[in-house]
PDB file of N, CA and C in Angstrom:
ATOM      1  N   MET A   1     114.344  18.980 -26.176  1.00  0.00           N
ATOM      2  CA  MET A   1     113.465  17.840 -26.037  1.00  0.00           C
ATOM      3  C   MET A   1     113.323  17.532 -24.542  1.00  0.00           C
ATOM      4  N   ASP A   2     112.096  17.422 -24.080  1.00  0.00           N
ATOM      5  CA  ASP A   2     111.907  17.195 -22.653  1.00  0.00           C
ATOM      6  C   ASP A   2     112.086  15.714 -22.292  1.00  0.00           C
ATOM      7  N   ALA A   3     112.201  15.445 -21.018  1.00  0.00           N
ATOM      8  CA  ALA A   3     112.514  14.099 -20.523  1.00  0.00           C
ATOM      9  C   ALA A   3     111.411  13.099 -20.842  1.00  0.00           C
ATOM     10  N   GLN A   4     110.160  13.540 -20.784  1.00  0.00           N
ATOM     11  CA  GLN A   4     109.049  12.623 -21.058  1.00  0.00           C
ATOM     12  C   GLN A   4     109.077  12.137 -22.509  1.00  0.00           C
ATOM     13  N   LEU A   5     109.379  13.018 -23.437  1.00  0.00           N
ATOM     14  CA  LEU A   5     109.471  12.641 -24.842  1.00  0.00           C
ATOM     15  C   LEU A   5     110.661  11.706 -25.076  1.00  0.00           C
ATOM     16  N   LYS A   6     111.794  11.995 -24.442  1.00  0.00           N
ATOM     17  CA  LYS A   6     112.964  11.120 -24.567  1.00  0.00           C
ATOM     18  C   LYS A   6     112.668   9.730 -24.037  1.00  0.00           C
ATOM     19  N   ASN A   7     111.968   9.644 -22.900  1.00  0.00           N
ATOM     20  CA  ASN A   7     111.612   8.344 -22.340  1.00  0.00           C
ATOM     21  C   ASN A   7     110.672   7.580 -23.264  1.00  0.00           C
ATOM     22  N   ALA A   8     109.706   8.284 -23.861  1.00  0.00           N
ATOM     23  CA  ALA A   8     108.766   7.637 -24.772  1.00  0.00           C
ATOM     24  C   ALA A   8     109.478   7.115 -26.022  1.00  0.00           C
ATOM     25  N   LEU A   9     110.402   7.909 -26.564  1.00  0.00           N
ATOM     26  CA  LEU A   9     111.157   7.468 -27.737  1.00  0.00           C
ATOM     27  C   LEU A   9     112.049   6.280 -27.408  1.00  0.00           C
ATOM     28  N   ALA A  10     112.691   6.317 -26.256  1.00  0.00           N
ATOM     29  CA  ALA A  10     113.554   5.195 -25.844  1.00  0.00           C
ATOM     30  C   ALA A  10     112.729   3.934 -25.657  1.00  0.00           C
ATOM     31  N   GLU A  11     111.568   4.059 -25.037  1.00  0.00           N
ATOM     32  CA  GLU A  11     110.718   2.890 -24.819  1.00  0.00           C
ATOM     33  C   GLU A  11     110.227   2.310 -26.142  1.00  0.00           C
ATOM     34  N   GLY A  12     109.849   3.162 -27.074  1.00  0.00           N
ATOM     35  CA  GLY A  12     109.403   2.689 -28.380  1.00  0.00           C
ATOM     36  C   GLY A  12     110.512   2.000 -29.159  1.00  0.00           C
ATOM     37  N   LEU A  13     111.700   2.561 -29.104  1.00  0.00           N
ATOM     38  CA  LEU A  13     112.838   1.961 -29.798  1.00  0.00           C
ATOM     39  C   LEU A  13     113.202   0.606 -29.188  1.00  0.00           C
ATOM     40  N   VAL A  14     113.220   0.537 -27.871  1.00  0.00           N
ATOM     41  CA  VAL A  14     113.548  -0.721 -27.194  1.00  0.00           C
ATOM     42  C   VAL A  14     112.479  -1.774 -27.483  1.00  0.00           C
ATOM     43  N   ASP A  15     111.214  -1.382 -27.484  1.00  0.00           N
ATOM     44  CA  ASP A  15     110.133  -2.318 -27.825  1.00  0.00           C
ATOM     45  C   ASP A  15     110.321  -2.874 -29.238  1.00  0.00           C
ATOM     46  N   ALA A  16     110.602  -1.977 -30.176  1.00  0.00           N
ATOM     47  CA  ALA A  16     110.763  -2.410 -31.565  1.00  0.00           C
ATOM     48  C   ALA A  16     111.961  -3.339 -31.731  1.00  0.00           C
ATOM     49  N   LEU A  17     113.083  -2.994 -31.116  1.00  0.00           N
ATOM     50  CA  LEU A  17     114.274  -3.841 -31.222  1.00  0.00           C
ATOM     51  C   LEU A  17     114.054  -5.203 -30.563  1.00  0.00           C
ATOM     52  N   GLY A  18     113.415  -5.212 -29.405  1.00  0.00           N
ATOM     53  CA  GLY A  18     113.118  -6.475 -28.734  1.00  0.00           C
ATOM     54  C   GLY A  18     112.164  -7.335 -29.537  1.00  0.00           C
ATOM     55  N   PHE A  19     111.172  -6.707 -30.155  1.00  0.00           N
ATOM     56  CA  PHE A  19     110.196  -7.434 -30.972  1.00  0.00           C
ATOM     57  C   PHE A  19     110.868  -8.087 -32.176  1.00  0.00           C
ATOM     58  N   VAL A  20     111.692  -7.327 -32.876  1.00  0.00           N
ATOM     59  CA  VAL A  20     112.363  -7.853 -34.072  1.00  0.00           C
ATOM     60  C   VAL A  20     113.379  -8.931 -33.702  1.00  0.00           C
ATOM     61  N   ALA A  21     114.175  -8.674 -32.665  1.00  0.00           N
ATOM     62  CA  ALA A  21     115.172  -9.666 -32.245  1.00  0.00           C
ATOM     63  C   ALA A  21     114.500 -10.951 -31.769  1.00  0.00           C
ATOM     64  N   GLY A  22     113.418 -10.829 -31.021  1.00  0.00           N
ATOM     65  CA  GLY A  22     112.689 -12.014 -30.568  1.00  0.00           C
ATOM     66  C   GLY A  22     112.060 -12.778 -31.726  1.00  0.00           C
ATOM     67  N   GLY A  23     111.525 -12.046 -32.696  1.00  0.00           N
ATOM     68  CA  GLY A  23     110.956 -12.691 -33.875  1.00  0.00           C
ATOM     69  C   GLY A  23     112.001 -13.449 -34.675  1.00  0.00           C
ATOM     70  N   LEU A  24     113.172 -12.843 -34.816  1.00  0.00           N
ATOM     71  CA  LEU A  24     114.265 -13.525 -35.520  1.00  0.00           C
ATOM     72  C   LEU A  24     114.719 -14.774 -34.766  1.00  0.00           C
ATOM     73  N   ALA A  25     114.813 -14.656 -33.441  1.00  0.00           N
ATOM     74  CA  ALA A  25     115.204 -15.814 -32.638  1.00  0.00           C
ATOM     75  C   ALA A  25     114.160 -16.919 -32.750  1.00  0.00           C
ATOM     76  N   GLY A  26     112.887 -16.553 -32.730  1.00  0.00           N
ATOM     77  CA  GLY A  26     111.820 -17.542 -32.898  1.00  0.00           C
ATOM     78  C   GLY A  26     111.863 -18.194 -34.274  1.00  0.00           C
ATOM     79  N   GLY A  27     112.160 -17.404 -35.300  1.00  0.00           N
ATOM     80  CA  GLY A  27     112.277 -17.959 -36.650  1.00  0.00           C
ATOM     81  C   GLY A  27     113.441 -18.923 -36.777  1.00  0.00           C
ATOM     82  N   LEU A  28     114.562 -18.583 -36.146  1.00  0.00           N
ATOM     83  CA  LEU A  28     115.709 -19.496 -36.162  1.00  0.00           C
ATOM     84  C   LEU A  28     115.412 -20.783 -35.399  1.00  0.00           C
ATOM     85  N   LEU A  29     114.711 -20.652 -34.279  1.00  0.00           N
ATOM     86  CA  LEU A  29     114.319 -21.838 -33.523  1.00  0.00           C
ATOM     87  C   LEU A  29     113.366 -22.714 -34.334  1.00  0.00           C
ATOM     88  N   ALA A  30     112.438 -22.085 -35.033  1.00  0.00           N
ATOM     89  CA  ALA A  30     111.517 -22.833 -35.882  1.00  0.00           C
ATOM     90  C   ALA A  30     112.267 -23.577 -36.983  1.00  0.00           C
ATOM     91  N   ARG A  31     113.243 -22.912 -37.564  1.00  0.00           N
ATOM     92  CA  ARG A  31     114.039 -23.555 -38.613  1.00  0.00           C
ATOM     93  C   ARG A  31     114.843 -24.725 -38.049  1.00  0.00           C
ATOM     94  N   LEU A  32     115.356 -24.556 -36.816  1.00  0.00           N
ATOM     95  CA  LEU A  32     116.121 -25.627 -36.177  1.00  0.00           C
ATOM     96  C   LEU A  32     115.290 -26.878 -35.929  1.00  0.00           C
ATOM     97  N   VAL A  33     114.036 -26.696 -35.531  1.00  0.00           N
ATOM     98  CA  VAL A  33     113.181 -27.857 -35.239  1.00  0.00           C
ATOM     99  C   VAL A  33     112.456 -28.366 -36.485  1.00  0.00           C
ATOM    100  N   GLY A  34     112.739 -27.771 -37.627  1.00  0.00           N
ATOM    101  CA  GLY A  34     112.156 -28.245 -38.879  1.00  0.00           C
ATOM    102  C   GLY A  34     110.771 -27.696 -39.168  1.00  0.00           C
ATOM    103  N   ALA A  35     110.405 -26.586 -38.576  1.00  0.00           N
ATOM    104  CA  ALA A  35     109.090 -25.984 -38.782  1.00  0.00           C
ATOM    105  C   ALA A  35     109.242 -24.628 -39.464  1.00  0.00           C
ATOM    106  N   ASP A  36     110.036 -24.575 -40.525  1.00  0.00           N
ATOM    107  CA  ASP A  36     110.287 -23.323 -41.234  1.00  0.00           C
ATOM    108  C   ASP A  36     109.069 -22.983 -42.094  1.00  0.00           C
ATOM    109  N   PHE A  37     108.274 -22.022 -41.648  1.00  0.00           N
ATOM    110  CA  PHE A  37     107.039 -21.679 -42.349  1.00  0.00           C
ATOM    111  C   PHE A  37     107.282 -20.969 -43.673  1.00  0.00           C
ATOM    112  N   MET A  38     108.494 -20.472 -43.893  1.00  0.00           N
ATOM    113  CA  MET A  38     108.786 -19.778 -45.148  1.00  0.00           C
ATOM    114  C   MET A  38     108.962 -20.750 -46.321  1.00  0.00           C
ATOM    115  N   THR A  39     109.359 -21.969 -46.038  1.00  0.00           N
ATOM    116  CA  THR A  39     109.588 -22.930 -47.112  1.00  0.00           C
ATOM    117  C   THR A  39     108.461 -23.937 -47.258  1.00  0.00           C
ATOM    118  N   GLU A  40     107.554 -24.004 -46.296  1.00  0.00           N
ATOM    119  CA  GLU A  40     106.438 -24.954 -46.360  1.00  0.00           C
ATOM    120  C   GLU A  40     105.393 -24.464 -47.350  1.00  0.00           C
ATOM    121  N   GLN A  41     104.743 -25.401 -47.978  1.00  0.00           N
ATOM    122  CA  GLN A  41     103.649 -25.084 -48.891  1.00  0.00           C
ATOM    123  C   GLN A  41     102.333 -25.284 -48.147  1.00  0.00           C
ATOM    124  N   GLY A  42     101.470 -24.312 -48.184  1.00  0.00           N
ATOM    125  CA  GLY A  42     100.170 -24.433 -47.532  1.00  0.00           C
ATOM    126  C   GLY A  42     100.233 -24.156 -46.041  1.00  0.00           C
ATOM    127  N   TRP A  43      99.145 -24.498 -45.376  1.00  0.00           N
ATOM    128  CA  TRP A  43      98.994 -24.228 -43.947  1.00  0.00           C
ATOM    129  C   TRP A  43      99.041 -25.511 -43.151  1.00  0.00           C
ATOM    130  N   GLY A  44     100.118 -26.238 -43.287  1.00  0.00           N
ATOM    131  CA  GLY A  44     100.280 -27.491 -42.563  1.00  0.00           C
ATOM    132  C   GLY A  44     100.673 -27.259 -41.111  1.00  0.00           C
ATOM    133  N   THR A  45     100.836 -28.351 -40.405  1.00  0.00           N
ATOM    134  CA  THR A  45     101.208 -28.288 -38.988  1.00  0.00           C
ATOM    135  C   THR A  45     102.559 -27.620 -38.791  1.00  0.00           C
ATOM    136  N   ALA A  46     103.522 -27.953 -39.636  1.00  0.00           N
ATOM    137  CA  ALA A  46     104.856 -27.363 -39.502  1.00  0.00           C
ATOM    138  C   ALA A  46     104.806 -25.847 -39.691  1.00  0.00           C
ATOM    139  N   SER A  47     104.006 -25.380 -40.642  1.00  0.00           N
ATOM    140  CA  SER A  47     103.873 -23.934 -40.860  1.00  0.00           C
ATOM    141  C   SER A  47     103.265 -23.243 -39.648  1.00  0.00           C
ATOM    142  N   MET A  48     102.242 -23.864 -39.096  1.00  0.00           N
ATOM    143  CA  MET A  48     101.582 -23.261 -37.936  1.00  0.00           C
ATOM    144  C   MET A  48     102.502 -23.223 -36.721  1.00  0.00           C
ATOM    145  N   ILE A  49     103.282 -24.274 -36.522  1.00  0.00           N
ATOM    146  CA  ILE A  49     104.233 -24.301 -35.409  1.00  0.00           C
ATOM    147  C   ILE A  49     105.299 -23.230 -35.614  1.00  0.00           C
ATOM    148  N   GLY A  50     105.774 -23.078 -36.838  1.00  0.00           N
ATOM    149  CA  GLY A  50     106.768 -22.051 -37.133  1.00  0.00           C
ATOM    150  C   GLY A  50     106.246 -20.653 -36.872  1.00  0.00           C
ATOM    151  N   ILE A  51     105.031 -20.370 -37.306  1.00  0.00           N
ATOM    152  CA  ILE A  51     104.427 -19.060 -37.076  1.00  0.00           C
ATOM    153  C   ILE A  51     104.219 -18.824 -35.583  1.00  0.00           C
ATOM    154  N   LEU A  52     103.812 -19.855 -34.871  1.00  0.00           N
ATOM    155  CA  LEU A  52     103.633 -19.743 -33.418  1.00  0.00           C
ATOM    156  C   LEU A  52     104.950 -19.424 -32.720  1.00  0.00           C
ATOM    157  N   LEU A  53     106.031 -20.080 -33.131  1.00  0.00           N
ATOM    158  CA  LEU A  53     107.337 -19.819 -32.521  1.00  0.00           C
ATOM    159  C   LEU A  53     107.825 -18.403 -32.799  1.00  0.00           C
ATOM    160  N   VAL A  54     107.579 -17.911 -33.994  1.00  0.00           N
ATOM    161  CA  VAL A  54     107.976 -16.528 -34.312  1.00  0.00           C
ATOM    162  C   VAL A  54     107.171 -15.551 -33.462  1.00  0.00           C
ATOM    163  N   GLY A  55     105.879 -15.780 -33.333  1.00  0.00           N
ATOM    164  CA  GLY A  55     105.042 -14.903 -32.521  1.00  0.00           C
ATOM    165  C   GLY A  55     105.433 -14.917 -31.050  1.00  0.00           C
ATOM    166  N   LEU A  56     105.684 -16.112 -30.537  1.00  0.00           N
ATOM    167  CA  LEU A  56     106.116 -16.219 -29.143  1.00  0.00           C
ATOM    168  C   LEU A  56     107.471 -15.546 -28.924  1.00  0.00           C
ATOM    169  N   GLY A  57     108.383 -15.748 -29.855  1.00  0.00           N
ATOM    170  CA  GLY A  57     109.691 -15.116 -29.750  1.00  0.00           C
ATOM    171  C   GLY A  57     109.592 -13.602 -29.773  1.00  0.00           C
ATOM    172  N   ALA A  58     108.743 -13.069 -30.647  1.00  0.00           N
ATOM    173  CA  ALA A  58     108.581 -11.614 -30.729  1.00  0.00           C
ATOM    174  C   ALA A  58     107.989 -11.055 -29.439  1.00  0.00           C
ATOM    175  N   GLY A  59     106.996 -11.721 -28.911  1.00  0.00           N
ATOM    176  CA  GLY A  59     106.385 -11.257 -27.669  1.00  0.00           C
ATOM    177  C   GLY A  59     107.336 -11.334 -26.488  1.00  0.00           C
ATOM    178  N   LEU A  60     108.055 -12.437 -26.389  1.00  0.00           N
ATOM    179  CA  LEU A  60     109.015 -12.585 -25.296  1.00  0.00           C
ATOM    180  C   LEU A  60     110.181 -11.608 -25.437  1.00  0.00           C
ATOM    181  N   GLY A  61     110.623 -11.382 -26.665  1.00  0.00           N
ATOM    182  CA  GLY A  61     111.702 -10.421 -26.892  1.00  0.00           C
ATOM    183  C   GLY A  61     111.307  -9.017 -26.478  1.00  0.00           C
ATOM    184  N   LYS A  62     110.077  -8.617 -26.811  1.00  0.00           N
ATOM    185  CA  LYS A  62     109.596  -7.295 -26.422  1.00  0.00           C
ATOM    186  C   LYS A  62     109.484  -7.183 -24.904  1.00  0.00           C
ATOM    187  N   THR A  63     108.963  -8.233 -24.273  1.00  0.00           N
ATOM    188  CA  THR A  63     108.827  -8.224 -22.817  1.00  0.00           C
ATOM    189  C   THR A  63     110.179  -8.145 -22.124  1.00  0.00           C
ATOM    190  N   LEU A  64     111.128  -8.935 -22.593  1.00  0.00           N
ATOM    191  CA  LEU A  64     112.466  -8.921 -21.999  1.00  0.00           C
ATOM    192  C   LEU A  64     113.145  -7.569 -22.197  1.00  0.00           C
ATOM    193  N   ALA A  65     113.016  -7.001 -23.384  1.00  0.00           N
ATOM    194  CA  ALA A  65     113.631  -5.697 -23.652  1.00  0.00           C
ATOM    195  C   ALA A  65     113.025  -4.616 -22.761  1.00  0.00           C
ATOM    196  N   ARG A  66     111.727  -4.666 -22.557  1.00  0.00           N
ATOM    197  CA  ARG A  66     111.077  -3.672 -21.708  1.00  0.00           C
ATOM    198  C   ARG A  66     111.506  -3.826 -20.251  1.00  0.00           C
ATOM    199  N   LYS A  67     111.659  -5.073 -19.787  1.00  0.00           N
ATOM    200  CA  LYS A  67     112.132  -5.293 -18.414  1.00  0.00           C
ATOM    201  C   LYS A  67     113.557  -4.792 -18.236  1.00  0.00           C
ATOM    202  N   LEU A  68     114.390  -4.983 -19.241  1.00  0.00           N
ATOM    203  CA  LEU A  68     115.759  -4.481 -19.157  1.00  0.00           C
ATOM    204  C   LEU A  68     115.793  -2.959 -19.135  1.00  0.00           C
ATOM    205  N   LEU A  69     114.882  -2.318 -19.864  1.00  0.00           N
ATOM    206  CA  LEU A  69     114.826  -0.856 -19.886  1.00  0.00           C
ATOM    207  C   LEU A  69     114.374  -0.308 -18.540  1.00  0.00           C
ATOM    208  N   ARG A  70     113.445  -0.973 -17.899  1.00  0.00           N
ATOM    209  CA  ARG A  70     112.880  -0.476 -16.641  1.00  0.00           C
ATOM    210  C   ARG A  70     113.689  -0.842 -15.413  1.00  0.00           C
ATOM    211  N   ARG A  71     114.770  -1.596 -15.600  1.00  0.00           N
ATOM    212  CA  ARG A  71     115.612  -1.976 -14.472  1.00  0.00           C
ATOM    213  C   ARG A  71     116.169  -0.716 -13.821  1.00  0.00           C
ATOM    214  N   ASN A  72     116.208  -0.706 -12.519  1.00  0.00           N
ATOM    215  CA  ASN A  72     116.685   0.470 -11.787  1.00  0.00           C
ATOM    216  C   ASN A  72     118.195   0.626 -11.964  1.00  0.00           C
ATOM    217  N   PRO A  73     118.639   1.846 -12.281  1.00  0.00           N
ATOM    218  CA  PRO A  73     120.091   2.065 -12.397  1.00  0.00           C
ATOM    219  C   PRO A  73     120.731   2.057 -11.008  1.00  0.00           C
ATOM    220  N   PRO A  74     122.007   1.749 -10.925  1.00  0.00           N
ATOM    221  CA  PRO A  74     122.667   1.755  -9.624  1.00  0.00           C
ATOM    222  C   PRO A  74     122.690   3.165  -9.032  1.00  0.00           C
ATOM    223  N   THR A  75     122.501   3.230  -7.730  1.00  0.00           N
ATOM    224  CA  THR A  75     122.484   4.521  -7.077  1.00  0.00           C
ATOM    225  C   THR A  75     123.886   4.903  -6.624  1.00  0.00           C
ATOM    226  N   LYS A  76     124.192   6.186  -6.667  1.00  0.00           N
ATOM    227  CA  LYS A  76     125.492   6.679  -6.228  1.00  0.00           C
ATOM    228  C   LYS A  76     125.430   6.958  -4.720  1.00  0.00           C
ATOM    229  N   THR A  77     126.482   6.613  -4.042  1.00  0.00           N
ATOM    230  CA  THR A  77     126.501   6.880  -2.597  1.00  0.00           C
ATOM    231  C   THR A  77     127.522   7.928  -2.250  1.00  0.00           C
TER     232      THR A  77
END
């Protein structure tokens, strides 16, 4: 397996893990503030806030994971 393919697979895996972890964190935050969209009936304000928090968490998680992946490794002297 060449280096370019390994880098692409690592980036995809890190993106997916960051997305899922961020989404879970956003869902927990939504539940903490009382905007749990899974238990609400209909499309009320609480449901919309909960969905927004999950989406924001997923996006931020993916961004943070990608920044951590692209961080420069320490150089040997």
